[in-house]
Amino acid sequence: NEVRSAYDMAVSNASRCGFIHYVAIANERAGKYCLSRGDSYWGEHYIGCAIQRYEEWGAVKKVQLMKESYKFLAGMSPEMLQSGTLKGRVRFDKEIEQQHEAPLLPIHVS
């Protein structure tokens, strides 16, 4: 799926640069997209990844609201939500991050 590939690229690029908040947002948007298309497997995967990244970022209220909105998250342990694609990835330190600062372009999906 072309749209999912674009979201995956956004997640990957943001992750590589250490922009955890953009990783969370891209995963959430990808999850919503997949769920709107009836693809619960990938939708739940992306939403689970988004929750993990929002928790890492410290967006406690956002995590609470998402868990209330998505009933399939009820009772899921943090391990079940953990993304295999981002697990264990090392983020850049601040010095390297500053060397690679570039404005992120908004993602437009039609």
N, C-alpha and C. Protein backbone atom coordinates (compact mmCIF):
# COMPACT_ATOMS: atom_id res chain seq x y z
N ASN A 1 0.84 -1.18 0.00
CA ASN A 1 0.00 0.00 0.00
C ASN A 1 0.89 1.24 0.00
N GLU A 2 0.68 2.11 -0.95
CA GLU A 2 1.49 3.32 -1.13
C GLU A 2 1.38 4.29 0.05
N VAL A 3 0.19 4.44 0.57
CA VAL A 3 -0.02 5.36 1.69
C VAL A 3 0.68 4.84 2.93
N ARG A 4 0.53 3.56 3.21
CA ARG A 4 1.21 2.98 4.37
C ARG A 4 2.72 3.09 4.24
N SER A 5 3.23 2.92 3.05
CA SER A 5 4.67 3.07 2.81
C SER A 5 5.13 4.49 3.12
N ALA A 6 4.32 5.47 2.76
CA ALA A 6 4.67 6.87 3.05
C ALA A 6 4.69 7.11 4.56
N TYR A 7 3.72 6.55 5.27
CA TYR A 7 3.72 6.68 6.73
C TYR A 7 4.95 5.98 7.33
N ASP A 8 5.27 4.79 6.82
CA ASP A 8 6.44 4.07 7.32
C ASP A 8 7.72 4.89 7.11
N MET A 9 7.81 5.55 5.97
CA MET A 9 8.98 6.39 5.69
C MET A 9 9.03 7.57 6.67
N ALA A 10 7.89 8.16 6.95
CA ALA A 10 7.84 9.27 7.90
C ALA A 10 8.27 8.82 9.29
N VAL A 11 7.78 7.65 9.71
CA VAL A 11 8.15 7.09 11.01
C VAL A 11 9.65 6.82 11.06
N SER A 12 10.15 6.21 10.02
CA SER A 12 11.57 5.86 9.96
C SER A 12 12.47 7.10 10.00
N ASN A 13 12.14 8.09 9.19
CA ASN A 13 12.96 9.31 9.16
C ASN A 13 12.93 10.05 10.48
N ALA A 14 11.75 10.17 11.06
CA ALA A 14 11.63 10.86 12.35
C ALA A 14 12.38 10.10 13.44
N SER A 15 12.29 8.78 13.40
CA SER A 15 12.98 7.96 14.39
C SER A 15 14.49 8.09 14.26
N ARG A 16 14.97 8.05 13.03
CA ARG A 16 16.39 8.17 12.78
C ARG A 16 16.95 9.49 13.30
N CYS A 17 16.15 10.52 13.23
CA CYS A 17 16.58 11.84 13.69
C CYS A 17 16.31 12.07 15.17
N GLY A 18 15.64 11.13 15.82
CA GLY A 18 15.36 11.25 17.24
C GLY A 18 14.17 12.12 17.59
N PHE A 19 13.30 12.38 16.62
CA PHE A 19 12.12 13.22 16.85
C PHE A 19 10.95 12.34 17.30
N ILE A 20 10.98 11.95 18.56
CA ILE A 20 10.02 10.99 19.09
C ILE A 20 8.57 11.48 18.94
N HIS A 21 8.34 12.78 19.06
CA HIS A 21 6.99 13.30 18.94
C HIS A 21 6.45 13.13 17.52
N TYR A 22 7.31 13.28 16.51
CA TYR A 22 6.87 13.06 15.13
C TYR A 22 6.66 11.58 14.86
N VAL A 23 7.46 10.73 15.48
CA VAL A 23 7.26 9.27 15.36
C VAL A 23 5.88 8.91 15.90
N ALA A 24 5.54 9.45 17.06
CA ALA A 24 4.24 9.18 17.67
C ALA A 24 3.10 9.65 16.77
N ILE A 25 3.21 10.86 16.28
CA ILE A 25 2.14 11.43 15.45
C ILE A 25 1.99 10.64 14.15
N ALA A 26 3.10 10.31 13.50
CA ALA A 26 3.02 9.55 12.24
C ALA A 26 2.41 8.18 12.46
N ASN A 27 2.77 7.51 13.56
CA ASN A 27 2.17 6.22 13.86
C ASN A 27 0.68 6.34 14.12
N GLU A 28 0.30 7.37 14.86
CA GLU A 28 -1.13 7.56 15.13
C GLU A 28 -1.91 7.80 13.84
N ARG A 29 -1.38 8.66 12.99
CA ARG A 29 -2.06 8.95 11.72
C ARG A 29 -2.15 7.70 10.84
N ALA A 30 -1.06 6.91 10.82
CA ALA A 30 -1.08 5.68 10.04
C ALA A 30 -2.12 4.71 10.59
N GLY A 31 -2.20 4.63 11.92
CA GLY A 31 -3.19 3.77 12.55
C GLY A 31 -4.61 4.19 12.21
N LYS A 32 -4.87 5.47 12.29
CA LYS A 32 -6.20 5.97 11.96
C LYS A 32 -6.54 5.68 10.50
N TYR A 33 -5.55 5.87 9.63
CA TYR A 33 -5.77 5.60 8.21
C TYR A 33 -6.13 4.13 8.00
N CYS A 34 -5.35 3.23 8.56
CA CYS A 34 -5.59 1.79 8.39
C CYS A 34 -6.94 1.39 8.97
N LEU A 35 -7.26 1.89 10.15
CA LEU A 35 -8.54 1.56 10.77
C LEU A 35 -9.71 2.08 9.92
N SER A 36 -9.54 3.26 9.32
CA SER A 36 -10.61 3.81 8.48
C SER A 36 -10.83 2.97 7.22
N ARG A 37 -9.80 2.22 6.83
CA ARG A 37 -9.88 1.34 5.66
C ARG A 37 -10.27 -0.08 6.02
N GLY A 38 -10.55 -0.31 7.32
CA GLY A 38 -10.96 -1.64 7.76
C GLY A 38 -9.82 -2.60 8.01
N ASP A 39 -8.59 -2.10 8.03
CA ASP A 39 -7.42 -2.94 8.26
C ASP A 39 -7.04 -2.87 9.74
N SER A 40 -7.71 -3.71 10.53
CA SER A 40 -7.50 -3.66 11.98
C SER A 40 -6.12 -4.16 12.39
N TYR A 41 -5.55 -5.11 11.63
CA TYR A 41 -4.22 -5.63 11.98
C TYR A 41 -3.20 -4.50 12.01
N TRP A 42 -3.06 -3.80 10.88
CA TRP A 42 -2.08 -2.71 10.82
C TRP A 42 -2.53 -1.50 11.62
N GLY A 43 -3.81 -1.24 11.67
CA GLY A 43 -4.31 -0.11 12.45
C GLY A 43 -3.96 -0.26 13.92
N GLU A 44 -4.19 -1.43 14.47
CA GLU A 44 -3.87 -1.68 15.87
C GLU A 44 -2.36 -1.65 16.10
N HIS A 45 -1.60 -2.15 15.14
CA HIS A 45 -0.14 -2.11 15.25
C HIS A 45 0.35 -0.66 15.36
N TYR A 46 -0.08 0.18 14.43
CA TYR A 46 0.37 1.58 14.43
C TYR A 46 -0.10 2.33 15.67
N ILE A 47 -1.33 2.10 16.08
CA ILE A 47 -1.84 2.77 17.28
C ILE A 47 -1.04 2.33 18.50
N GLY A 48 -0.73 1.05 18.60
CA GLY A 48 0.10 0.56 19.70
C GLY A 48 1.48 1.22 19.71
N CYS A 49 2.07 1.35 18.53
CA CYS A 49 3.37 2.03 18.42
C CYS A 49 3.26 3.50 18.83
N ALA A 50 2.17 4.13 18.42
CA ALA A 50 1.96 5.54 18.77
C ALA A 50 1.88 5.71 20.28
N ILE A 51 1.15 4.83 20.94
CA ILE A 51 1.01 4.90 22.40
C ILE A 51 2.39 4.80 23.05
N GLN A 52 3.20 3.86 22.60
CA GLN A 52 4.54 3.71 23.18
C GLN A 52 5.37 4.97 22.99
N ARG A 53 5.33 5.54 21.82
CA ARG A 53 6.13 6.75 21.55
C ARG A 53 5.60 7.94 22.35
N TYR A 54 4.27 8.07 22.44
CA TYR A 54 3.70 9.15 23.26
C TYR A 54 4.12 8.99 24.72
N GLU A 55 4.15 7.74 25.21
CA GLU A 55 4.59 7.51 26.59
C GLU A 55 6.05 7.90 26.76
N GLU A 56 6.89 7.53 25.80
CA GLU A 56 8.31 7.91 25.85
C GLU A 56 8.46 9.43 25.87
N TRP A 57 7.61 10.10 25.13
CA TRP A 57 7.67 11.56 25.01
C TRP A 57 7.14 12.24 26.27
N GLY A 58 6.34 11.50 27.06
CA GLY A 58 5.78 12.06 28.28
C GLY A 58 4.40 12.66 28.11
N ALA A 59 3.72 12.33 27.01
CA ALA A 59 2.39 12.86 26.74
C ALA A 59 1.34 11.99 27.43
N VAL A 60 1.30 12.09 28.76
CA VAL A 60 0.45 11.23 29.59
C VAL A 60 -1.03 11.39 29.24
N LYS A 61 -1.49 12.60 29.11
CA LYS A 61 -2.91 12.85 28.82
C LYS A 61 -3.29 12.29 27.44
N LYS A 62 -2.41 12.44 26.47
CA LYS A 62 -2.66 11.91 25.12
C LYS A 62 -2.80 10.39 25.18
N VAL A 63 -1.92 9.73 25.92
CA VAL A 63 -1.98 8.28 26.07
C VAL A 63 -3.30 7.87 26.71
N GLN A 64 -3.69 8.58 27.74
CA GLN A 64 -4.95 8.29 28.43
C GLN A 64 -6.13 8.43 27.46
N LEU A 65 -6.15 9.51 26.69
CA LEU A 65 -7.25 9.73 25.74
C LEU A 65 -7.28 8.65 24.66
N MET A 66 -6.11 8.24 24.18
CA MET A 66 -6.07 7.19 23.16
C MET A 66 -6.56 5.87 23.72
N LYS A 67 -6.15 5.55 24.92
CA LYS A 67 -6.58 4.28 25.53
C LYS A 67 -8.09 4.27 25.75
N GLU A 68 -8.67 5.43 26.02
CA GLU A 68 -10.12 5.52 26.17
C GLU A 68 -10.83 5.42 24.82
N SER A 69 -10.19 5.93 23.77
CA SER A 69 -10.79 5.96 22.43
C SER A 69 -10.73 4.62 21.72
N TYR A 70 -9.66 3.87 21.95
CA TYR A 70 -9.46 2.61 21.23
C TYR A 70 -9.65 1.45 22.19
N LYS A 71 -10.82 0.85 22.13
CA LYS A 71 -11.19 -0.21 23.08
C LYS A 71 -10.29 -1.44 22.97
N PHE A 72 -9.69 -1.68 21.78
CA PHE A 72 -8.83 -2.84 21.63
C PHE A 72 -7.56 -2.73 22.48
N LEU A 73 -7.27 -1.55 23.00
CA LEU A 73 -6.09 -1.36 23.85
C LEU A 73 -6.33 -1.78 25.29
N ALA A 74 -7.59 -1.95 25.67
CA ALA A 74 -7.91 -2.31 27.05
C ALA A 74 -7.24 -3.63 27.41
N GLY A 75 -6.53 -3.61 28.51
CA GLY A 75 -5.90 -4.82 29.00
C GLY A 75 -4.60 -5.20 28.33
N MET A 76 -4.15 -4.42 27.36
CA MET A 76 -2.88 -4.73 26.70
C MET A 76 -1.72 -4.27 27.57
N SER A 77 -0.76 -5.14 27.72
CA SER A 77 0.43 -4.79 28.50
C SER A 77 1.36 -3.92 27.66
N PRO A 78 2.28 -3.19 28.29
CA PRO A 78 3.24 -2.41 27.52
C PRO A 78 4.04 -3.26 26.54
N GLU A 79 4.32 -4.51 26.91
CA GLU A 79 5.07 -5.41 26.02
C GLU A 79 4.28 -5.71 24.75
N MET A 80 2.97 -5.82 24.89
CA MET A 80 2.13 -6.12 23.73
C MET A 80 2.08 -4.93 22.78
N LEU A 81 2.21 -3.73 23.33
CA LEU A 81 2.16 -2.53 22.50
C LEU A 81 3.51 -2.21 21.87
N GLN A 82 4.57 -2.78 22.41
CA GLN A 82 5.91 -2.43 21.97
C GLN A 82 6.12 -2.76 20.50
N SER A 83 6.70 -1.83 19.79
CA SER A 83 6.96 -2.01 18.36
C SER A 83 8.27 -2.72 18.12
N GLY A 84 8.23 -3.77 17.35
CA GLY A 84 9.45 -4.46 16.97
C GLY A 84 10.31 -3.63 16.04
N THR A 85 9.70 -2.70 15.29
CA THR A 85 10.47 -1.93 14.32
C THR A 85 11.30 -0.84 14.98
N LEU A 86 10.88 -0.36 16.13
CA LEU A 86 11.61 0.71 16.80
C LEU A 86 12.32 0.25 18.05
N LYS A 87 12.02 -0.96 18.50
CA LYS A 87 12.58 -1.47 19.74
C LYS A 87 14.10 -1.58 19.63
N GLY A 88 14.76 -1.03 20.59
CA GLY A 88 16.21 -1.13 20.63
C GLY A 88 16.95 -0.14 19.76
N ARG A 89 16.25 0.68 19.03
CA ARG A 89 16.92 1.65 18.16
C ARG A 89 17.52 2.76 19.03
N VAL A 90 18.75 3.12 18.76
CA VAL A 90 19.44 4.15 19.52
C VAL A 90 19.20 5.49 18.85
N ARG A 91 18.80 6.46 19.63
CA ARG A 91 18.58 7.79 19.09
C ARG A 91 19.88 8.58 19.10
N PHE A 92 19.96 9.56 18.23
CA PHE A 92 21.13 10.42 18.17
C PHE A 92 21.27 11.22 19.46
N ASP A 93 22.50 11.53 19.82
CA ASP A 93 22.67 12.44 20.94
C ASP A 93 22.44 13.86 20.44
N LYS A 94 22.40 14.81 21.34
CA LYS A 94 22.05 16.19 20.99
C LYS A 94 23.02 16.79 19.97
N GLU A 95 24.31 16.49 20.09
CA GLU A 95 25.30 17.06 19.17
C GLU A 95 25.04 16.61 17.74
N ILE A 96 24.79 15.32 17.57
CA ILE A 96 24.52 14.80 16.23
C ILE A 96 23.19 15.33 15.72
N GLU A 97 22.20 15.38 16.61
CA GLU A 97 20.88 15.90 16.21
C GLU A 97 20.98 17.31 15.67
N GLN A 98 21.78 18.15 16.33
CA GLN A 98 21.93 19.54 15.89
C GLN A 98 22.61 19.62 14.53
N GLN A 99 23.51 18.71 14.24
CA GLN A 99 24.19 18.69 12.94
C GLN A 99 23.22 18.38 11.81
N HIS A 100 22.14 17.68 12.14
CA HIS A 100 21.20 17.24 11.12
C HIS A 100 19.87 17.97 11.19
N GLU A 101 19.86 19.11 11.84
CA GLU A 101 18.59 19.84 11.93
C GLU A 101 18.18 20.32 10.56
N ALA A 102 16.98 19.98 10.21
CA ALA A 102 16.39 20.43 8.96
C ALA A 102 14.89 20.46 9.20
N PRO A 103 14.21 21.42 8.61
CA PRO A 103 12.76 21.47 8.81
C PRO A 103 12.09 20.25 8.19
N LEU A 104 11.15 19.69 8.94
CA LEU A 104 10.39 18.56 8.41
C LEU A 104 9.23 19.09 7.58
N LEU A 105 9.06 18.50 6.43
CA LEU A 105 7.97 18.91 5.57
C LEU A 105 6.71 18.18 5.98
N PRO A 106 5.58 18.83 5.89
CA PRO A 106 4.33 18.15 6.26
C PRO A 106 4.02 17.03 5.26
N ILE A 107 3.38 16.01 5.77
CA ILE A 107 3.00 14.87 4.93
C ILE A 107 1.61 15.14 4.39
N HIS A 108 1.49 15.11 3.07
CA HIS A 108 0.18 15.30 2.44
C HIS A 108 -0.18 14.01 1.74
N VAL A 109 -1.26 13.38 2.19
CA VAL A 109 -1.74 12.15 1.59
C VAL A 109 -3.11 12.42 1.01
N SER A 110 -3.24 12.11 -0.27
CA SER A 110 -4.55 12.36 -0.91
C SER A 110 -5.28 11.08 -1.14
